[in-house]
Protein backbone atom coordinates (compact mmCIF):
# COMPACT_ATOMS: atom_id res chain seq x y z
CA MET A 1 -9.69 -50.79 15.03
CA SER A 2 -6.25 -49.56 13.77
CA ARG A 3 -4.79 -46.13 14.33
CA ASP A 4 -2.72 -46.61 11.36
CA PRO A 5 -4.04 -46.01 8.27
CA GLU A 6 -1.96 -48.22 6.33
CA ALA A 7 -1.99 -51.03 8.78
CA LYS A 8 -4.83 -53.83 7.32
CA ASN A 9 -7.26 -55.52 9.79
CA LEU A 10 -7.26 -59.08 9.48
CA PRO A 11 -9.74 -61.53 10.73
CA VAL A 12 -11.47 -61.13 13.81
CA LYS A 13 -10.77 -64.74 15.62
CA VAL A 14 -13.94 -66.01 18.08
CA ALA A 15 -14.40 -68.70 20.28
CA PRO A 16 -18.32 -69.31 20.53
CA SER A 17 -19.27 -70.18 23.72
CA GLU A 18 -20.08 -73.86 24.78
CA ARG A 19 -24.25 -73.00 24.94
CA GLY A 20 -23.28 -71.70 21.21
CA ASP A 21 -24.73 -68.05 21.99
CA ALA A 22 -22.88 -65.18 22.30
CA PRO A 23 -18.84 -65.73 22.06
CA GLU A 24 -17.10 -66.43 25.15
CA LYS A 25 -13.39 -64.76 23.66
CA ALA A 26 -12.94 -62.36 20.60
CA VAL A 27 -9.07 -61.64 19.23
CA ALA A 28 -8.66 -58.89 16.88
CA LEU A 29 -5.49 -58.97 14.61
CA THR A 30 -3.72 -56.06 12.45
CA TYR A 31 -1.04 -56.32 9.79
CA ASP A 32 0.65 -52.96 9.31
CA GLY A 33 3.23 -54.73 6.67
CA SER A 34 6.45 -53.71 9.07
CA ARG A 35 6.38 -56.49 11.36
CA ALA A 36 4.25 -59.91 12.40
CA PRO A 37 0.50 -59.74 12.21
CA PHE A 38 -0.31 -58.57 16.18
CA ILE A 39 -3.30 -58.56 18.78
CA SER A 40 -5.16 -54.89 18.39
CA ALA A 41 -8.02 -56.02 20.01
CA SER A 42 -8.80 -59.11 22.72
CA GLY A 43 -11.52 -59.58 25.12
CA ASP A 44 -14.10 -61.40 26.71
CA ASN A 45 -18.02 -62.00 27.17
CA GLU A 46 -19.17 -58.43 26.70
CA LEU A 47 -16.02 -56.96 25.76
CA ALA A 48 -15.68 -59.97 22.79
CA GLU A 49 -19.06 -58.96 21.63
CA THR A 50 -18.28 -55.18 20.70
CA ILE A 51 -15.12 -56.42 19.37
CA LEU A 52 -17.56 -58.11 16.99
CA ARG A 53 -19.96 -55.24 16.72
CA ILE A 54 -16.81 -52.86 15.67
CA ALA A 55 -15.53 -55.60 13.25
CA ARG A 56 -18.96 -55.97 11.52
CA GLU A 57 -19.35 -52.15 11.27
CA HIS A 58 -15.74 -51.68 9.53
CA GLY A 59 -15.89 -55.18 6.77
CA VAL A 60 -13.29 -56.71 8.94
CA PRO A 61 -14.08 -60.57 8.32
CA ILE A 62 -15.11 -62.87 11.08
CA TYR A 63 -13.11 -66.24 11.57
CA GLU A 64 -14.40 -68.45 14.16
CA ASN A 65 -11.89 -71.02 15.66
CA LYS A 66 -11.92 -71.87 19.38
CA ASP A 67 -8.87 -73.22 19.50
CA LEU A 68 -6.83 -71.03 17.75
CA VAL A 69 -8.51 -67.75 19.78
CA ASN A 70 -7.75 -69.72 22.89
CA ILE A 71 -4.32 -69.40 22.27
CA LEU A 72 -4.50 -66.01 20.72
CA SER A 73 -5.80 -64.54 23.41
CA ARG A 74 -3.06 -65.68 25.90
CA LEU A 75 -1.13 -62.58 24.37
CA GLU A 76 -1.08 -59.06 25.30
CA ILE A 77 -2.33 -55.87 23.00
CA GLY A 78 0.68 -55.19 20.81
CA GLU A 79 2.09 -58.28 20.94
CA GLU A 80 3.06 -60.26 17.52
CA ILE A 81 1.66 -63.39 16.90
CA PRO A 82 4.48 -66.74 17.43
CA GLU A 83 6.17 -67.68 14.88
CA LEU A 84 4.46 -71.02 15.06
CA LEU A 85 1.26 -69.89 13.90
CA TYR A 86 2.27 -67.36 10.74
CA ARG A 87 1.37 -70.15 8.50
CA THR A 88 -2.08 -70.83 10.35
CA ILE A 89 -2.63 -66.66 9.94
CA ALA A 90 -1.39 -66.49 6.76
CA GLU A 91 -3.80 -69.42 4.99
CA ILE A 92 -6.32 -67.49 7.08
CA ILE A 93 -5.27 -64.13 5.22
CA ALA A 94 -5.22 -65.93 1.73
CA PHE A 95 -8.22 -67.09 2.06
CA VAL A 96 -9.98 -63.54 2.84
CA TYR A 97 -7.85 -62.18 0.10
CA MET A 98 -9.02 -64.66 -2.68
CA LEU A 99 -12.98 -64.27 -1.09
CA LYS A 100 -12.84 -60.17 -2.01
CA GLY A 101 -10.68 -60.66 -5.28
CA LYS A 102 -7.69 -59.28 -4.10
CA THR A 103 -4.25 -60.63 -4.13
CA PRO A 104 -1.06 -59.24 -1.86
CA GLU A 105 1.25 -56.16 -3.25
CA GLY A 106 3.97 -57.90 -5.94
CA PHE A 107 1.83 -60.71 -6.39
CA LYS A 108 0.94 -61.82 -9.78
CA HIS A 109 -2.00 -64.41 -10.33
CA GLN A 110 -2.93 -65.00 -13.85
CA GLN A 111 -6.44 -65.67 -13.24
CA LYS A 112 -8.13 -62.86 -11.44
CA ALA A 113 -10.43 -64.17 -8.68
CA LYS A 114 -14.16 -63.49 -8.30
CA PRO A 115 -15.14 -60.96 -6.23
CA ALA A 116 -17.44 -62.05 -3.33
CA ALA A 117 -20.69 -61.11 -3.25
CA GLU A 118 -20.65 -59.18 0.21
CA GLU A 119 -18.63 -58.88 2.77
CA PRO A 120 -16.98 -62.38 3.97
CA LEU A 121 -18.34 -63.81 7.18
CA LEU A 122 -15.64 -66.46 8.20
CA LEU A 123 -17.37 -69.18 10.12
CA GLN A 124 -15.72 -72.89 11.25
CA ARG A 125 -17.29 -74.68 14.36
CA LYS A 126 -14.92 -76.88 15.87
């Protein structure tokens, strides 16, 4: 999803359709360490399905939250997330790190997290 090999692909945000079938929207975030996470892909309907397929192929975690994706989908590709969402996005990223048994660079933790049995698929229905 990102051309920069140093960039980290963050969870794809998904808004489920009201009917419960294919998602209406999907937004992908990327974090390159030099600035705030930014929108790296965004789309509705068929494009949302394509974003999700690519995310799954590359092991990018998927997080479902209709309200969050509705906010993020208003941003342009390449635009940084608003400062108001820093904490929300940071908590999602921290949870993904924990599931994968990873810690951010420079972070020291006394207990080693158990690695997840498989790549995490994060879903939260709202």
